[in-house]
Amino acid sequence: MFNSYKNFIQQYLKLNAIEWKLVELRLTLKSYKAGDIILHQGDICNELYFINSGLARGFIIDENGKDYTWSIFFNDSNAHMSNLFVTNYDSFLHQIPSNIHIETLEDTTLVVVTYQDIQFLYNTLKKGERFGRLMAEEAYSFLHQQIIDRQIKSAKERFEDFLKQTPYLLHKVPQYHIATFLGITPQHLSRLKKEYKLT
């Protein structure tokens, strides 16, 4: 049931059988239908989710009611820590209201661990603290690179990066969500797809 999660964790931490059992006892599995809201803006993110299967996105709604995709969460060979863990890490880490919504884009199964259980694992396992540090570093690195890319890369370069890193998402995620994730209009995305003969 938790094999995908265990295999991922073992890439960073070599847990013995007793250590893994301590972790496993604090995990639960939750299933969501496409379109379900996992986290509402304004709520505190009390759980950390790992994508077992499915697809989700984090998004922001502006004062005019327009939404912008902030992050896309998925689990495949191209996924890294920031894609695999469905969370508003700032809200989770500091237990403050979330500034994003998170919704599923297709039927999704998540491995769930609560904030309280994470704290227990940090305090019980030295390796747990190391994993927490790695997650914090990954979250910072992802955010830093995302902001820099939006500032210095052209729309075409951002689209090319998206194709290199996550090509299959182009056909799984609605075009509007991809466009706002890349910081371009749906019309511009459509033109880029035609240029690369992807329509």
C-alpha atoms as a PDB file:
ATOM      1  CA  MET A   1       0.000   0.000   0.000  1.00  0.00           C
ATOM      2  CA  PHE A   2       2.862   2.397   0.796  1.00  0.00           C
ATOM      3  CA  ASN A   3       5.529   0.882  -1.481  1.00  0.00           C
ATOM      4  CA  SER A   4       5.824   3.930  -3.756  1.00  0.00           C
ATOM      5  CA  TYR A   5       6.278   6.203  -0.740  1.00  0.00           C
ATOM      6  CA  LYS A   6       8.776   3.846   0.883  1.00  0.00           C
ATOM      7  CA  ASN A   7      10.824   3.559  -2.316  1.00  0.00           C
ATOM      8  CA  PHE A   8      10.961   7.341  -2.605  1.00  0.00           C
ATOM      9  CA  ILE A   9      11.989   7.832   1.033  1.00  0.00           C
ATOM     10  CA  GLN A  10      14.702   5.178   0.703  1.00  0.00           C
ATOM     11  CA  GLN A  11      16.386   7.271  -2.001  1.00  0.00           C
ATOM     12  CA  TYR A  12      17.185   9.843   0.699  1.00  0.00           C
ATOM     13  CA  LEU A  13      17.127   7.833   3.933  1.00  0.00           C
ATOM     14  CA  LYS A  14      18.163   4.232   4.466  1.00  0.00           C
ATOM     15  CA  LEU A  15      15.617   3.137   7.055  1.00  0.00           C
ATOM     16  CA  ASN A  16      15.918  -0.173   8.866  1.00  0.00           C
ATOM     17  CA  ALA A  17      12.814  -2.298   9.484  1.00  0.00           C
ATOM     18  CA  ILE A  18      12.071  -0.743  12.894  1.00  0.00           C
ATOM     19  CA  GLU A  19      12.489   2.828  11.595  1.00  0.00           C
ATOM     20  CA  TRP A  20      10.236   2.141   8.618  1.00  0.00           C
ATOM     21  CA  LYS A  21       7.590   0.627  10.904  1.00  0.00           C
ATOM     22  CA  LEU A  22       7.596   3.823  12.984  1.00  0.00           C
ATOM     23  CA  VAL A  23       6.970   5.809   9.811  1.00  0.00           C
ATOM     24  CA  GLU A  24       4.426   3.398   8.339  1.00  0.00           C
ATOM     25  CA  LEU A  25       2.264   3.418  11.475  1.00  0.00           C
ATOM     26  CA  ARG A  26       1.705   7.145  10.956  1.00  0.00           C
ATOM     27  CA  LEU A  27       0.652   6.928   7.326  1.00  0.00           C
ATOM     28  CA  THR A  28      -2.863   6.773   5.932  1.00  0.00           C
ATOM     29  CA  LEU A  29      -4.210   6.544   2.402  1.00  0.00           C
ATOM     30  CA  LYS A  30      -6.846   8.942   1.050  1.00  0.00           C
ATOM     31  CA  SER A  31      -8.611   8.866  -2.304  1.00  0.00           C
ATOM     32  CA  TYR A  32     -10.070  11.878  -4.108  1.00  0.00           C
ATOM     33  CA  LYS A  33     -12.202  12.272  -7.218  1.00  0.00           C
ATOM     34  CA  ALA A  34     -11.210  14.611 -10.051  1.00  0.00           C
ATOM     35  CA  GLY A  35     -12.103  18.189  -9.124  1.00  0.00           C
ATOM     36  CA  ASP A  36     -11.995  17.663  -5.345  1.00  0.00           C
ATOM     37  CA  ILE A  37     -10.432  20.463  -3.294  1.00  0.00           C
ATOM     38  CA  ILE A  38      -7.751  19.075  -0.983  1.00  0.00           C
ATOM     39  CA  LEU A  39      -6.823  22.413   0.580  1.00  0.00           C
ATOM     40  CA  HIS A  40      -8.713  25.714   0.559  1.00  0.00           C
ATOM     41  CA  GLN A  41      -6.986  29.075   0.607  1.00  0.00           C
ATOM     42  CA  GLY A  42      -7.232  30.385   4.176  1.00  0.00           C
ATOM     43  CA  ASP A  43      -7.143  26.938   5.787  1.00  0.00           C
ATOM     44  CA  ILE A  44      -4.062  25.691   7.615  1.00  0.00           C
ATOM     45  CA  CYS A  45      -2.299  22.834   5.848  1.00  0.00           C
ATOM     46  CA  ASN A  46      -2.240  20.212   8.627  1.00  0.00           C
ATOM     47  CA  GLU A  47      -1.310  17.271   6.431  1.00  0.00           C
ATOM     48  CA  LEU A  48       1.507  16.411   4.066  1.00  0.00           C
ATOM     49  CA  TYR A  49       0.401  14.467   0.986  1.00  0.00           C
ATOM     50  CA  PHE A  50       2.492  12.231  -1.244  1.00  0.00           C
ATOM     51  CA  ILE A  51       1.037  11.382  -4.659  1.00  0.00           C
ATOM     52  CA  ASN A  52       0.603   7.639  -4.942  1.00  0.00           C
ATOM     53  CA  SER A  53      -1.298   8.032  -8.196  1.00  0.00           C
ATOM     54  CA  GLY A  54      -3.148  10.802  -9.977  1.00  0.00           C
ATOM     55  CA  LEU A  55      -2.633  14.476 -10.652  1.00  0.00           C
ATOM     56  CA  ALA A  56      -3.253  17.714  -8.723  1.00  0.00           C
ATOM     57  CA  ARG A  57      -2.481  21.398  -8.927  1.00  0.00           C
ATOM     58  CA  GLY A  58      -1.920  24.285  -6.525  1.00  0.00           C
ATOM     59  CA  PHE A  59      -3.513  27.537  -7.627  1.00  0.00           C
ATOM     60  CA  ILE A  60      -4.108  31.125  -6.571  1.00  0.00           C
ATOM     61  CA  ILE A  61      -7.291  33.129  -7.136  1.00  0.00           C
ATOM     62  CA  ASP A  62      -6.735  36.868  -7.574  1.00  0.00           C
ATOM     63  CA  GLU A  63      -9.048  39.692  -6.499  1.00  0.00           C
ATOM     64  CA  ASN A  64     -10.833  39.527  -9.870  1.00  0.00           C
ATOM     65  CA  GLY A  65     -11.632  35.845  -9.471  1.00  0.00           C
ATOM     66  CA  LYS A  66      -9.043  34.684 -12.012  1.00  0.00           C
ATOM     67  CA  ASP A  67      -7.038  31.637 -11.076  1.00  0.00           C
ATOM     68  CA  TYR A  68      -3.362  30.985 -11.737  1.00  0.00           C
ATOM     69  CA  THR A  69      -1.701  27.596 -11.492  1.00  0.00           C
ATOM     70  CA  TRP A  70       1.209  27.780  -9.084  1.00  0.00           C
ATOM     71  CA  SER A  71       2.328  24.157  -9.104  1.00  0.00           C
ATOM     72  CA  ILE A  72       1.470  20.815 -10.689  1.00  0.00           C
ATOM     73  CA  PHE A  73       1.788  17.672  -8.587  1.00  0.00           C
ATOM     74  CA  PHE A  74       2.351  14.257 -10.177  1.00  0.00           C
ATOM     75  CA  ASN A  75       4.280  11.032  -9.745  1.00  0.00           C
ATOM     76  CA  ASP A  76       6.312   9.709 -12.641  1.00  0.00           C
ATOM     77  CA  SER A  77       9.971   9.265 -13.548  1.00  0.00           C
ATOM     78  CA  ASN A  78      10.332  13.038 -14.123  1.00  0.00           C
ATOM     79  CA  ALA A  79       8.882  14.021 -10.745  1.00  0.00           C
ATOM     80  CA  HIS A  80      11.041  15.530  -8.025  1.00  0.00           C
ATOM     81  CA  MET A  81      10.232  16.204  -4.387  1.00  0.00           C
ATOM     82  CA  SER A  82       8.225  19.368  -5.075  1.00  0.00           C
ATOM     83  CA  ASN A  83       5.985  17.512  -7.541  1.00  0.00           C
ATOM     84  CA  LEU A  84       5.524  14.412  -5.409  1.00  0.00           C
ATOM     85  CA  PHE A  85       4.499  16.180  -2.198  1.00  0.00           C
ATOM     86  CA  VAL A  86       1.150  17.922  -2.490  1.00  0.00           C
ATOM     87  CA  THR A  87       1.292  20.738   0.014  1.00  0.00           C
ATOM     88  CA  ASN A  88       1.558  24.413   0.732  1.00  0.00           C
ATOM     89  CA  TYR A  89       4.862  23.911   2.468  1.00  0.00           C
ATOM     90  CA  ASP A  90       4.897  27.362   4.083  1.00  0.00           C
ATOM     91  CA  SER A  91       1.452  26.791   5.610  1.00  0.00           C
ATOM     92  CA  PHE A  92       2.429  23.287   6.742  1.00  0.00           C
ATOM     93  CA  LEU A  93       5.788  24.294   8.186  1.00  0.00           C
ATOM     94  CA  HIS A  94       4.583  27.369  10.081  1.00  0.00           C
ATOM     95  CA  GLN A  95       0.960  26.274  10.656  1.00  0.00           C
ATOM     96  CA  ILE A  96      -0.409  29.464   9.128  1.00  0.00           C
ATOM     97  CA  PRO A  97      -3.338  29.944   6.686  1.00  0.00           C
ATOM     98  CA  SER A  98      -2.630  28.747   3.166  1.00  0.00           C
ATOM     99  CA  ASN A  99      -2.407  31.309   0.375  1.00  0.00           C
ATOM    100  CA  ILE A 100      -3.200  28.700  -2.292  1.00  0.00           C
ATOM    101  CA  HIS A 101      -5.909  26.176  -3.105  1.00  0.00           C
ATOM    102  CA  ILE A 102      -5.054  22.611  -4.073  1.00  0.00           C
ATOM    103  CA  GLU A 103      -7.374  20.543  -6.282  1.00  0.00           C
ATOM    104  CA  THR A 104      -7.195  17.173  -7.998  1.00  0.00           C
ATOM    105  CA  LEU A 105      -7.219  17.133 -11.807  1.00  0.00           C
ATOM    106  CA  GLU A 106      -8.018  13.416 -11.984  1.00  0.00           C
ATOM    107  CA  ASP A 107      -8.846  10.653  -9.538  1.00  0.00           C
ATOM    108  CA  THR A 108      -5.961  10.721  -7.083  1.00  0.00           C
ATOM    109  CA  THR A 109      -4.681   8.590  -4.229  1.00  0.00           C
ATOM    110  CA  LEU A 110      -2.484  10.231  -1.596  1.00  0.00           C
ATOM    111  CA  VAL A 111      -0.313   8.952   1.220  1.00  0.00           C
ATOM    112  CA  VAL A 112      -1.039  11.237   4.165  1.00  0.00           C
ATOM    113  CA  VAL A 113       0.937  12.124   7.291  1.00  0.00           C
ATOM    114  CA  THR A 114      -0.217  14.787   9.763  1.00  0.00           C
ATOM    115  CA  TYR A 115       1.804  17.732  11.042  1.00  0.00           C
ATOM    116  CA  GLN A 116       1.765  16.211  14.555  1.00  0.00           C
ATOM    117  CA  ASP A 117       3.092  12.893  13.275  1.00  0.00           C
ATOM    118  CA  ILE A 118       5.821  14.619  11.281  1.00  0.00           C
ATOM    119  CA  GLN A 119       6.923  16.385  14.465  1.00  0.00           C
ATOM    120  CA  PHE A 120       6.948  13.049  16.276  1.00  0.00           C
ATOM    121  CA  LEU A 121       9.152  11.513  13.575  1.00  0.00           C
ATOM    122  CA  TYR A 122      11.501  14.505  13.624  1.00  0.00           C
ATOM    123  CA  ASN A 123      11.879  14.127  17.389  1.00  0.00           C
ATOM    124  CA  THR A 124      12.172  10.328  17.325  1.00  0.00           C
ATOM    125  CA  LEU A 125      14.334   9.670  14.284  1.00  0.00           C
ATOM    126  CA  LYS A 126      17.527  11.571  13.540  1.00  0.00           C
ATOM    127  CA  LYS A 127      17.010  10.537   9.932  1.00  0.00           C
ATOM    128  CA  GLY A 128      13.581  12.162  10.083  1.00  0.00           C
ATOM    129  CA  GLU A 129      15.160  15.541  10.832  1.00  0.00           C
ATOM    130  CA  ARG A 130      17.471  15.090   7.858  1.00  0.00           C
ATOM    131  CA  PHE A 131      14.539  14.354   5.581  1.00  0.00           C
ATOM    132  CA  GLY A 132      12.758  17.467   6.839  1.00  0.00           C
ATOM    133  CA  ARG A 133      15.828  19.556   6.033  1.00  0.00           C
ATOM    134  CA  LEU A 134      16.001  18.065   2.539  1.00  0.00           C
ATOM    135  CA  MET A 135      12.354  18.897   1.962  1.00  0.00           C
ATOM    136  CA  ALA A 136      12.851  22.481   3.105  1.00  0.00           C
ATOM    137  CA  GLU A 137      15.870  22.853   0.815  1.00  0.00           C
ATOM    138  CA  GLU A 138      13.968  21.372  -2.121  1.00  0.00           C
ATOM    139  CA  ALA A 139      10.962  23.644  -1.544  1.00  0.00           C
ATOM    140  CA  TYR A 140      13.214  26.710  -1.400  1.00  0.00           C
ATOM    141  CA  SER A 141      15.173  25.677  -4.484  1.00  0.00           C
ATOM    142  CA  PHE A 142      11.993  25.040  -6.462  1.00  0.00           C
ATOM    143  CA  LEU A 143      10.479  28.394  -5.509  1.00  0.00           C
ATOM    144  CA  HIS A 144      13.732  30.254  -6.181  1.00  0.00           C
ATOM    145  CA  GLN A 145      14.143  28.710  -9.629  1.00  0.00           C
ATOM    146  CA  GLN A 146      10.496  29.247 -10.522  1.00  0.00           C
ATOM    147  CA  ILE A 147      10.709  32.969  -9.740  1.00  0.00           C
ATOM    148  CA  ILE A 148      14.020  33.386 -11.572  1.00  0.00           C
ATOM    149  CA  ASP A 149      12.731  31.544 -14.646  1.00  0.00           C
ATOM    150  CA  ARG A 150       9.659  33.785 -14.801  1.00  0.00           C
ATOM    151  CA  GLN A 151      11.938  36.843 -14.741  1.00  0.00           C
ATOM    152  CA  ILE A 152      14.741  35.900 -17.119  1.00  0.00           C
ATOM    153  CA  LYS A 153      13.402  33.236 -19.493  1.00  0.00           C
ATOM    154  CA  SER A 154      11.211  33.929 -22.472  1.00  0.00           C
ATOM    155  CA  ALA A 155       7.801  32.268 -22.818  1.00  0.00           C
ATOM    156  CA  LYS A 156       9.288  30.008 -25.472  1.00  0.00           C
ATOM    157  CA  GLU A 157      12.136  28.950 -23.173  1.00  0.00           C
ATOM    158  CA  ARG A 158       9.708  28.221 -20.336  1.00  0.00           C
ATOM    159  CA  PHE A 159       7.592  26.144 -22.707  1.00  0.00           C
ATOM    160  CA  GLU A 160      10.670  24.239 -23.925  1.00  0.00           C
ATOM    161  CA  ASP A 161      11.640  23.507 -20.307  1.00  0.00           C
ATOM    162  CA  PHE A 162       8.119  22.230 -19.642  1.00  0.00           C
ATOM    163  CA  LEU A 163       8.349  19.914 -22.668  1.00  0.00           C
ATOM    164  CA  LYS A 164      11.745  18.575 -21.609  1.00  0.00           C
ATOM    165  CA  GLN A 165      10.809  18.022 -17.978  1.00  0.00           C
ATOM    166  CA  THR A 166       7.142  16.968 -18.138  1.00  0.00           C
ATOM    167  CA  PRO A 167       6.075  16.313 -21.750  1.00  0.00           C
ATOM    168  CA  TYR A 168       3.176  14.013 -20.906  1.00  0.00           C
ATOM    169  CA  LEU A 169       1.480  16.698 -18.797  1.00  0.00           C
ATOM    170  CA  LEU A 170       0.770  18.627 -21.994  1.00  0.00           C
ATOM    171  CA  HIS A 171      -2.010  16.150 -22.788  1.00  0.00           C
ATOM    172  CA  LYS A 172      -3.207  15.556 -19.226  1.00  0.00           C
ATOM    173  CA  VAL A 173      -3.501  19.074 -17.789  1.00  0.00           C
ATOM    174  CA  PRO A 174      -6.030  21.550 -19.253  1.00  0.00           C
ATOM    175  CA  GLN A 175      -4.387  24.113 -21.544  1.00  0.00           C
ATOM    176  CA  TYR A 176      -5.527  27.069 -19.423  1.00  0.00           C
ATOM    177  CA  HIS A 177      -3.806  25.641 -16.325  1.00  0.00           C
ATOM    178  CA  ILE A 178      -0.562  25.014 -18.227  1.00  0.00           C
ATOM    179  CA  ALA A 179      -0.654  28.542 -19.658  1.00  0.00           C
ATOM    180  CA  THR A 180      -1.057  30.200 -16.241  1.00  0.00           C
ATOM    181  CA  PHE A 181       1.633  27.911 -14.808  1.00  0.00           C
ATOM    182  CA  LEU A 182       4.017  29.132 -17.530  1.00  0.00           C
ATOM    183  CA  GLY A 183       2.929  32.747 -17.082  1.00  0.00           C
ATOM    184  CA  ILE A 184       1.500  33.092 -20.610  1.00  0.00           C
ATOM    185  CA  THR A 185      -1.946  33.352 -22.190  1.00  0.00           C
ATOM    186  CA  PRO A 186      -3.775  30.263 -23.510  1.00  0.00           C
ATOM    187  CA  GLN A 187      -3.555  31.823 -26.997  1.00  0.00           C
ATOM    188  CA  HIS A 188       0.239  32.110 -26.706  1.00  0.00           C
ATOM    189  CA  LEU A 189       0.433  28.490 -25.538  1.00  0.00           C
ATOM    190  CA  SER A 190      -1.671  27.420 -28.514  1.00  0.00           C
ATOM    191  CA  ARG A 191       0.702  29.218 -30.884  1.00  0.00           C
ATOM    192  CA  LEU A 192       3.723  27.552 -29.271  1.00  0.00           C
ATOM    193  CA  LYS A 193       2.101  24.132 -29.564  1.00  0.00           C
ATOM    194  CA  LYS A 194       1.461  24.747 -33.253  1.00  0.00           C
ATOM    195  CA  GLU A 195       5.060  25.891 -33.740  1.00  0.00           C
ATOM    196  CA  TYR A 196       6.261  22.604 -32.227  1.00  0.00           C
ATOM    197  CA  LYS A 197       3.562  20.659 -34.116  1.00  0.00           C
ATOM    198  CA  LEU A 198       1.998  19.450 -30.879  1.00  0.00           C
ATOM    199  CA  THR A 199      -1.673  20.134 -31.675  1.00  0.00           C
END
